[in-house]
Amino acid sequence: PVTLERKYTSVAGSDEKKYGPWTVGRWESFTAPEQEGYTAIPGTVDEVEVTSESLDAVVDIYYRADEPAIVEGKEEKTITRTI
């Protein structure tokens, strides 16, 4: 999270306020941790400037196996003859 601030001035006893500009913040860059045998997608997330107009954001990082998994199984079929 990034917390932005702005100052305001008001006259005591009045609800009227004059606001100054919002500060600007930054979401830091991020590098996904390495997992042996897997590649992170995306591997990095760039630094982003956050302003009062910015929206919340979610970045999903997925891990893909470097080599395709081999799955073995057994399939059965029963055939019946009735006399």
N, C-alpha and C. Protein backbone atom coordinates (compact mmCIF):
# COMPACT_ATOMS: atom_id res chain seq x y z
N PRO A 1 0.82 -1.22 0.00
CA PRO A 1 0.00 0.00 0.00
C PRO A 1 0.85 1.26 0.00
N VAL A 2 0.30 2.29 -0.58
CA VAL A 2 0.94 3.60 -0.60
C VAL A 2 -0.05 4.59 0.00
N THR A 3 0.40 5.39 0.94
CA THR A 3 -0.47 6.39 1.57
C THR A 3 -0.11 7.76 1.02
N LEU A 4 -1.11 8.43 0.44
CA LEU A 4 -0.93 9.77 -0.09
C LEU A 4 -1.51 10.76 0.91
N GLU A 5 -0.99 11.96 0.90
CA GLU A 5 -1.45 12.99 1.83
C GLU A 5 -1.70 14.29 1.10
N ARG A 6 -2.54 15.14 1.69
CA ARG A 6 -2.69 16.52 1.22
C ARG A 6 -3.06 17.38 2.42
N LYS A 7 -2.66 18.62 2.37
CA LYS A 7 -2.93 19.55 3.47
C LYS A 7 -4.18 20.36 3.15
N TYR A 8 -4.83 20.81 4.20
CA TYR A 8 -5.97 21.70 4.01
C TYR A 8 -5.93 22.81 5.05
N THR A 9 -6.62 23.89 4.75
CA THR A 9 -6.77 24.98 5.70
C THR A 9 -8.25 25.27 5.85
N SER A 10 -8.63 25.69 7.03
CA SER A 10 -10.03 26.05 7.28
C SER A 10 -10.08 27.11 8.38
N VAL A 11 -11.19 27.75 8.44
CA VAL A 11 -11.42 28.75 9.49
C VAL A 11 -12.15 28.04 10.62
N ALA A 12 -11.69 28.23 11.85
CA ALA A 12 -12.32 27.58 13.00
C ALA A 12 -13.81 27.88 13.01
N GLY A 13 -14.61 26.83 13.21
CA GLY A 13 -16.07 26.99 13.28
C GLY A 13 -16.74 26.91 11.91
N SER A 14 -15.96 26.74 10.86
CA SER A 14 -16.52 26.67 9.50
C SER A 14 -16.25 25.28 8.92
N ASP A 15 -17.19 24.80 8.12
CA ASP A 15 -17.00 23.50 7.46
C ASP A 15 -16.25 23.65 6.14
N GLU A 16 -16.00 24.86 5.72
CA GLU A 16 -15.31 25.09 4.44
C GLU A 16 -13.82 24.84 4.61
N LYS A 17 -13.28 24.05 3.65
CA LYS A 17 -11.85 23.73 3.68
C LYS A 17 -11.26 24.00 2.31
N LYS A 18 -10.02 24.47 2.30
CA LYS A 18 -9.27 24.64 1.06
C LYS A 18 -8.16 23.60 1.05
N TYR A 19 -8.15 22.78 0.00
CA TYR A 19 -7.22 21.65 -0.07
C TYR A 19 -6.05 21.96 -0.98
N GLY A 20 -4.90 21.46 -0.59
CA GLY A 20 -3.71 21.52 -1.43
C GLY A 20 -3.63 20.27 -2.29
N PRO A 21 -2.58 20.13 -3.08
CA PRO A 21 -2.44 18.95 -3.95
C PRO A 21 -2.07 17.69 -3.16
N TRP A 22 -2.46 16.55 -3.73
CA TRP A 22 -2.08 15.26 -3.15
C TRP A 22 -0.60 15.01 -3.39
N THR A 23 0.03 14.31 -2.49
CA THR A 23 1.40 13.85 -2.72
C THR A 23 1.36 12.72 -3.75
N VAL A 24 2.52 12.34 -4.23
CA VAL A 24 2.64 11.23 -5.19
C VAL A 24 3.47 10.15 -4.53
N GLY A 25 3.12 8.89 -4.77
CA GLY A 25 3.86 7.77 -4.20
C GLY A 25 4.32 6.82 -5.29
N ARG A 26 4.95 5.72 -4.88
CA ARG A 26 5.42 4.72 -5.84
C ARG A 26 5.22 3.33 -5.27
N TRP A 27 4.76 2.43 -6.14
CA TRP A 27 4.82 1.01 -5.83
C TRP A 27 6.18 0.54 -6.33
N GLU A 28 6.95 -0.08 -5.48
CA GLU A 28 8.29 -0.53 -5.85
C GLU A 28 8.23 -1.67 -6.86
N SER A 29 9.32 -1.84 -7.59
CA SER A 29 9.40 -2.97 -8.52
C SER A 29 9.47 -4.26 -7.70
N PHE A 30 9.14 -5.37 -8.33
CA PHE A 30 9.11 -6.65 -7.64
C PHE A 30 9.66 -7.72 -8.56
N THR A 31 10.50 -8.58 -8.03
CA THR A 31 11.01 -9.73 -8.77
C THR A 31 10.50 -10.99 -8.09
N ALA A 32 9.84 -11.85 -8.87
CA ALA A 32 9.28 -13.08 -8.32
C ALA A 32 10.39 -14.00 -7.84
N PRO A 33 10.18 -14.66 -6.70
CA PRO A 33 11.19 -15.58 -6.20
C PRO A 33 11.39 -16.75 -7.17
N GLU A 34 12.60 -17.23 -7.26
CA GLU A 34 12.89 -18.38 -8.13
C GLU A 34 12.42 -19.67 -7.48
N GLN A 35 11.86 -20.54 -8.30
CA GLN A 35 11.45 -21.87 -7.87
C GLN A 35 12.11 -22.86 -8.83
N GLU A 36 12.90 -23.76 -8.32
CA GLU A 36 13.64 -24.69 -9.17
C GLU A 36 12.69 -25.49 -10.06
N GLY A 37 12.97 -25.48 -11.35
CA GLY A 37 12.16 -26.24 -12.31
C GLY A 37 10.96 -25.46 -12.84
N TYR A 38 10.82 -24.19 -12.43
CA TYR A 38 9.68 -23.38 -12.86
C TYR A 38 10.14 -22.00 -13.30
N THR A 39 9.35 -21.39 -14.18
CA THR A 39 9.60 -20.02 -14.62
C THR A 39 8.41 -19.16 -14.23
N ALA A 40 8.69 -18.02 -13.58
CA ALA A 40 7.63 -17.10 -13.16
C ALA A 40 7.18 -16.26 -14.35
N ILE A 41 5.86 -16.09 -14.47
CA ILE A 41 5.29 -15.27 -15.54
C ILE A 41 4.31 -14.30 -14.90
N PRO A 42 4.53 -13.01 -14.90
CA PRO A 42 5.77 -12.34 -15.30
C PRO A 42 6.84 -12.53 -14.23
N GLY A 43 8.09 -12.42 -14.65
CA GLY A 43 9.20 -12.59 -13.71
C GLY A 43 9.45 -11.36 -12.86
N THR A 44 9.09 -10.19 -13.41
CA THR A 44 9.26 -8.94 -12.67
C THR A 44 8.05 -8.05 -12.91
N VAL A 45 7.82 -7.16 -11.97
CA VAL A 45 6.78 -6.15 -12.08
C VAL A 45 7.47 -4.80 -11.92
N ASP A 46 7.23 -3.91 -12.87
CA ASP A 46 7.92 -2.61 -12.87
C ASP A 46 7.42 -1.71 -11.75
N GLU A 47 8.27 -0.75 -11.39
CA GLU A 47 7.89 0.29 -10.44
C GLU A 47 6.80 1.15 -11.09
N VAL A 48 5.83 1.59 -10.28
CA VAL A 48 4.71 2.37 -10.81
C VAL A 48 4.48 3.59 -9.93
N GLU A 49 4.25 4.73 -10.56
CA GLU A 49 3.89 5.93 -9.83
C GLU A 49 2.42 5.84 -9.42
N VAL A 50 2.13 6.22 -8.17
CA VAL A 50 0.76 6.18 -7.65
C VAL A 50 0.32 7.61 -7.37
N THR A 51 -0.82 7.99 -7.96
CA THR A 51 -1.38 9.32 -7.75
C THR A 51 -2.76 9.18 -7.12
N SER A 52 -3.37 10.29 -6.80
CA SER A 52 -4.71 10.25 -6.20
C SER A 52 -5.73 9.70 -7.19
N GLU A 53 -5.39 9.64 -8.47
CA GLU A 53 -6.29 9.09 -9.50
C GLU A 53 -6.07 7.59 -9.70
N SER A 54 -5.03 7.02 -9.11
CA SER A 54 -4.71 5.61 -9.29
C SER A 54 -5.77 4.74 -8.63
N LEU A 55 -5.96 3.55 -9.20
CA LEU A 55 -6.88 2.56 -8.63
C LEU A 55 -6.06 1.45 -7.99
N ASP A 56 -6.70 0.70 -7.08
CA ASP A 56 -6.05 -0.48 -6.52
C ASP A 56 -5.68 -1.41 -7.68
N ALA A 57 -4.62 -2.17 -7.52
CA ALA A 57 -4.17 -3.07 -8.58
C ALA A 57 -3.78 -4.42 -8.01
N VAL A 58 -4.00 -5.45 -8.81
CA VAL A 58 -3.59 -6.81 -8.46
C VAL A 58 -2.74 -7.33 -9.61
N VAL A 59 -1.58 -7.86 -9.30
CA VAL A 59 -0.72 -8.48 -10.31
C VAL A 59 -0.59 -9.95 -9.94
N ASP A 60 -1.09 -10.82 -10.82
CA ASP A 60 -0.98 -12.26 -10.59
C ASP A 60 0.31 -12.77 -11.21
N ILE A 61 1.04 -13.57 -10.47
CA ILE A 61 2.26 -14.19 -10.99
C ILE A 61 2.02 -15.70 -11.00
N TYR A 62 2.24 -16.29 -12.16
CA TYR A 62 2.05 -17.73 -12.33
C TYR A 62 3.41 -18.38 -12.54
N TYR A 63 3.50 -19.65 -12.18
CA TYR A 63 4.73 -20.41 -12.40
C TYR A 63 4.44 -21.53 -13.40
N ARG A 64 5.24 -21.57 -14.47
CA ARG A 64 5.10 -22.59 -15.50
C ARG A 64 6.26 -23.57 -15.35
N ALA A 65 5.95 -24.85 -15.43
CA ALA A 65 6.99 -25.87 -15.35
C ALA A 65 7.93 -25.73 -16.54
N ASP A 66 9.24 -25.80 -16.30
CA ASP A 66 10.22 -25.69 -17.38
C ASP A 66 10.12 -26.86 -18.36
N GLU A 67 9.82 -28.03 -17.85
CA GLU A 67 9.63 -29.21 -18.69
C GLU A 67 8.21 -29.70 -18.46
N PRO A 68 7.53 -30.10 -19.55
CA PRO A 68 6.15 -30.56 -19.38
C PRO A 68 6.09 -31.78 -18.46
N ALA A 69 5.09 -31.81 -17.64
CA ALA A 69 4.91 -32.94 -16.73
C ALA A 69 4.43 -34.15 -17.53
N ILE A 70 4.99 -35.30 -17.25
CA ILE A 70 4.57 -36.54 -17.89
C ILE A 70 3.63 -37.25 -16.92
N VAL A 71 2.45 -37.53 -17.40
CA VAL A 71 1.46 -38.20 -16.56
C VAL A 71 1.17 -39.56 -17.15
N GLU A 72 1.29 -40.57 -16.32
CA GLU A 72 0.98 -41.93 -16.76
C GLU A 72 -0.26 -42.41 -16.03
N GLY A 73 -1.03 -43.21 -16.72
CA GLY A 73 -2.24 -43.75 -16.10
C GLY A 73 -2.60 -45.06 -16.77
N LYS A 74 -3.72 -45.60 -16.36
CA LYS A 74 -4.19 -46.86 -16.93
C LYS A 74 -5.67 -46.70 -17.21
N GLU A 75 -6.07 -47.15 -18.38
CA GLU A 75 -7.47 -47.08 -18.75
C GLU A 75 -7.96 -48.53 -18.90
N GLU A 76 -9.15 -48.81 -18.41
CA GLU A 76 -9.70 -50.14 -18.49
C GLU A 76 -11.01 -50.11 -19.25
N LYS A 77 -11.29 -51.24 -19.90
CA LYS A 77 -12.56 -51.38 -20.60
C LYS A 77 -13.01 -52.82 -20.40
N THR A 78 -14.21 -53.02 -19.94
CA THR A 78 -14.76 -54.36 -19.73
C THR A 78 -15.77 -54.65 -20.83
N ILE A 79 -15.60 -55.79 -21.48
CA ILE A 79 -16.51 -56.22 -22.53
C ILE A 79 -17.15 -57.53 -22.08
N THR A 80 -18.45 -57.56 -22.11
CA THR A 80 -19.18 -58.72 -21.61
C THR A 80 -19.82 -59.48 -22.77
N ARG A 81 -19.78 -60.82 -22.68
CA ARG A 81 -20.48 -61.68 -23.66
C ARG A 81 -21.54 -62.44 -22.90
N THR A 82 -22.77 -62.30 -23.35
CA THR A 82 -23.87 -63.01 -22.72
C THR A 82 -24.36 -64.08 -23.68
N ILE A 83 -24.50 -65.33 -23.14
CA ILE A 83 -25.00 -66.44 -23.96
C ILE A 83 -26.32 -66.92 -23.37
